[in-house]
Amino acid sequence: MNQVSINIQEHLVQAMKVPASEVQKRLKRELAVRLYEKGLLPFGKARELAEMPRWAFHDLLGEEGIQRCYDMEELEDDLKTLEELK
């Protein structure tokens, strides 16, 4: 499995108005939101990147003023979940 690492200079990390203990978590969420907003990552994968439950990520998108796009992939996932619940 491939992984991507991003090196951010320490002075830039320190300039963020985020507690040091929350920087990585916050950056993942910001990246997930922006990639979803631009259509580069579907909802489920963006939520996974953000490491958030489905409804929490949905709420985060709302807080950011980003409308959800319900696509075929999500419909298929929802139908699969419904079948599994039967």
C-alpha atoms as a PDB file:
ATOM      1  CA  MET A   1       0.000   0.000   0.000  1.00  0.00           C
ATOM      2  CA  ASN A   2       1.297   3.429  -0.947  1.00  0.00           C
ATOM      3  CA  GLN A   3       1.357   6.261   1.545  1.00  0.00           C
ATOM      4  CA  VAL A   4       1.887   9.946   0.973  1.00  0.00           C
ATOM      5  CA  SER A   5       3.711  12.141   3.442  1.00  0.00           C
ATOM      6  CA  ILE A   6       3.794  15.897   3.307  1.00  0.00           C
ATOM      7  CA  ASN A   7       6.597  17.775   4.985  1.00  0.00           C
ATOM      8  CA  ILE A   8       5.562  21.130   6.393  1.00  0.00           C
ATOM      9  CA  GLN A   9       8.217  23.400   7.778  1.00  0.00           C
ATOM     10  CA  GLU A  10       8.059  23.832  11.538  1.00  0.00           C
ATOM     11  CA  HIS A  11       7.578  27.602  11.373  1.00  0.00           C
ATOM     12  CA  LEU A  12       4.460  27.075   9.255  1.00  0.00           C
ATOM     13  CA  VAL A  13       3.085  24.523  11.708  1.00  0.00           C
ATOM     14  CA  GLN A  14       3.718  26.933  14.547  1.00  0.00           C
ATOM     15  CA  ALA A  15       1.952  29.699  12.634  1.00  0.00           C
ATOM     16  CA  MET A  16      -1.259  27.645  12.509  1.00  0.00           C
ATOM     17  CA  LYS A  17      -3.855  28.729  15.002  1.00  0.00           C
ATOM     18  CA  VAL A  18      -4.318  25.150  16.120  1.00  0.00           C
ATOM     19  CA  PRO A  19      -2.903  23.427  19.217  1.00  0.00           C
ATOM     20  CA  ALA A  20       0.149  21.353  18.283  1.00  0.00           C
ATOM     21  CA  SER A  21      -1.589  18.171  19.425  1.00  0.00           C
ATOM     22  CA  GLU A  22      -4.393  18.753  16.880  1.00  0.00           C
ATOM     23  CA  VAL A  23      -2.371  19.770  13.805  1.00  0.00           C
ATOM     24  CA  GLN A  24      -2.324  16.396  12.038  1.00  0.00           C
ATOM     25  CA  LYS A  25      -6.009  15.733  12.708  1.00  0.00           C
ATOM     26  CA  ARG A  26      -6.970  19.223  11.541  1.00  0.00           C
ATOM     27  CA  LEU A  27      -4.883  19.045   8.375  1.00  0.00           C
ATOM     28  CA  LYS A  28      -6.462  15.713   7.417  1.00  0.00           C
ATOM     29  CA  ARG A  29      -9.930  17.172   7.906  1.00  0.00           C
ATOM     30  CA  GLU A  30      -9.117  20.314   5.935  1.00  0.00           C
ATOM     31  CA  LEU A  31      -7.668  18.252   3.100  1.00  0.00           C
ATOM     32  CA  ALA A  32     -10.642  15.896   3.080  1.00  0.00           C
ATOM     33  CA  VAL A  33     -13.131  18.782   2.954  1.00  0.00           C
ATOM     34  CA  ARG A  34     -11.319  20.580   0.126  1.00  0.00           C
ATOM     35  CA  LEU A  35     -10.830  17.425  -1.962  1.00  0.00           C
ATOM     36  CA  TYR A  36     -14.524  16.611  -1.566  1.00  0.00           C
ATOM     37  CA  GLU A  37     -15.529  20.178  -2.386  1.00  0.00           C
ATOM     38  CA  LYS A  38     -13.519  20.071  -5.620  1.00  0.00           C
ATOM     39  CA  GLY A  39     -14.923  16.677  -6.609  1.00  0.00           C
ATOM     40  CA  LEU A  40     -11.540  14.988  -6.306  1.00  0.00           C
ATOM     41  CA  LEU A  41     -12.642  12.560  -3.582  1.00  0.00           C
ATOM     42  CA  PRO A  42     -16.080  11.014  -3.055  1.00  0.00           C
ATOM     43  CA  PHE A  43     -17.861  11.476   0.263  1.00  0.00           C
ATOM     44  CA  GLY A  44     -16.999   8.063   1.706  1.00  0.00           C
ATOM     45  CA  LYS A  45     -13.299   8.366   0.944  1.00  0.00           C
ATOM     46  CA  ALA A  46     -13.160  11.978   2.135  1.00  0.00           C
ATOM     47  CA  ARG A  47     -14.847  10.922   5.367  1.00  0.00           C
ATOM     48  CA  GLU A  48     -12.303   8.126   5.707  1.00  0.00           C
ATOM     49  CA  LEU A  49      -9.423  10.571   5.185  1.00  0.00           C
ATOM     50  CA  ALA A  50     -10.927  12.888   7.795  1.00  0.00           C
ATOM     51  CA  GLU A  51     -11.255   9.904  10.155  1.00  0.00           C
ATOM     52  CA  MET A  52     -14.789  10.934  11.055  1.00  0.00           C
ATOM     53  CA  PRO A  53     -18.098   9.105  11.337  1.00  0.00           C
ATOM     54  CA  ARG A  54     -20.467   9.634   8.406  1.00  0.00           C
ATOM     55  CA  TRP A  55     -22.828  12.090  10.095  1.00  0.00           C
ATOM     56  CA  ALA A  56     -20.041  14.041  11.767  1.00  0.00           C
ATOM     57  CA  PHE A  57     -18.387  14.578   8.377  1.00  0.00           C
ATOM     58  CA  HIS A  58     -21.763  15.507   6.906  1.00  0.00           C
ATOM     59  CA  ASP A  59     -22.154  18.122   9.669  1.00  0.00           C
ATOM     60  CA  LEU A  60     -18.615  19.409   9.034  1.00  0.00           C
ATOM     61  CA  LEU A  61     -19.439  19.935   5.359  1.00  0.00           C
ATOM     62  CA  GLY A  62     -22.509  21.909   6.418  1.00  0.00           C
ATOM     63  CA  GLU A  63     -20.439  24.062   8.763  1.00  0.00           C
ATOM     64  CA  GLU A  64     -18.088  24.779   5.864  1.00  0.00           C
ATOM     65  CA  GLY A  65     -21.028  25.675   3.580  1.00  0.00           C
ATOM     66  CA  ILE A  66     -20.339  22.768   1.232  1.00  0.00           C
ATOM     67  CA  GLN A  67     -23.340  21.048  -0.328  1.00  0.00           C
ATOM     68  CA  ARG A  68     -23.404  17.271  -0.450  1.00  0.00           C
ATOM     69  CA  CYS A  69     -23.517  15.577  -3.814  1.00  0.00           C
ATOM     70  CA  TYR A  70     -25.265  12.227  -3.624  1.00  0.00           C
ATOM     71  CA  ASP A  71     -23.745  10.155  -6.430  1.00  0.00           C
ATOM     72  CA  MET A  72     -24.256   6.652  -7.786  1.00  0.00           C
ATOM     73  CA  GLU A  73     -21.443   5.234  -5.663  1.00  0.00           C
ATOM     74  CA  GLU A  74     -23.160   6.440  -2.505  1.00  0.00           C
ATOM     75  CA  LEU A  75     -26.524   5.127  -3.681  1.00  0.00           C
ATOM     76  CA  GLU A  76     -25.004   1.712  -4.337  1.00  0.00           C
ATOM     77  CA  ASP A  77     -23.332   1.734  -0.906  1.00  0.00           C
ATOM     78  CA  ASP A  78     -26.621   2.651   0.752  1.00  0.00           C
ATOM     79  CA  LEU A  79     -28.517  -0.066  -1.140  1.00  0.00           C
ATOM     80  CA  LYS A  80     -25.868  -2.613  -0.160  1.00  0.00           C
ATOM     81  CA  THR A  81     -26.177  -1.564   3.486  1.00  0.00           C
ATOM     82  CA  LEU A  82     -29.970  -1.910   3.329  1.00  0.00           C
ATOM     83  CA  GLU A  83     -29.664  -5.390   1.867  1.00  0.00           C
ATOM     84  CA  GLU A  84     -27.266  -6.390   4.645  1.00  0.00           C
ATOM     85  CA  LEU A  85     -29.727  -5.140   7.270  1.00  0.00           C
ATOM     86  CA  LYS A  86     -32.536  -7.384   5.990  1.00  0.00           C
END
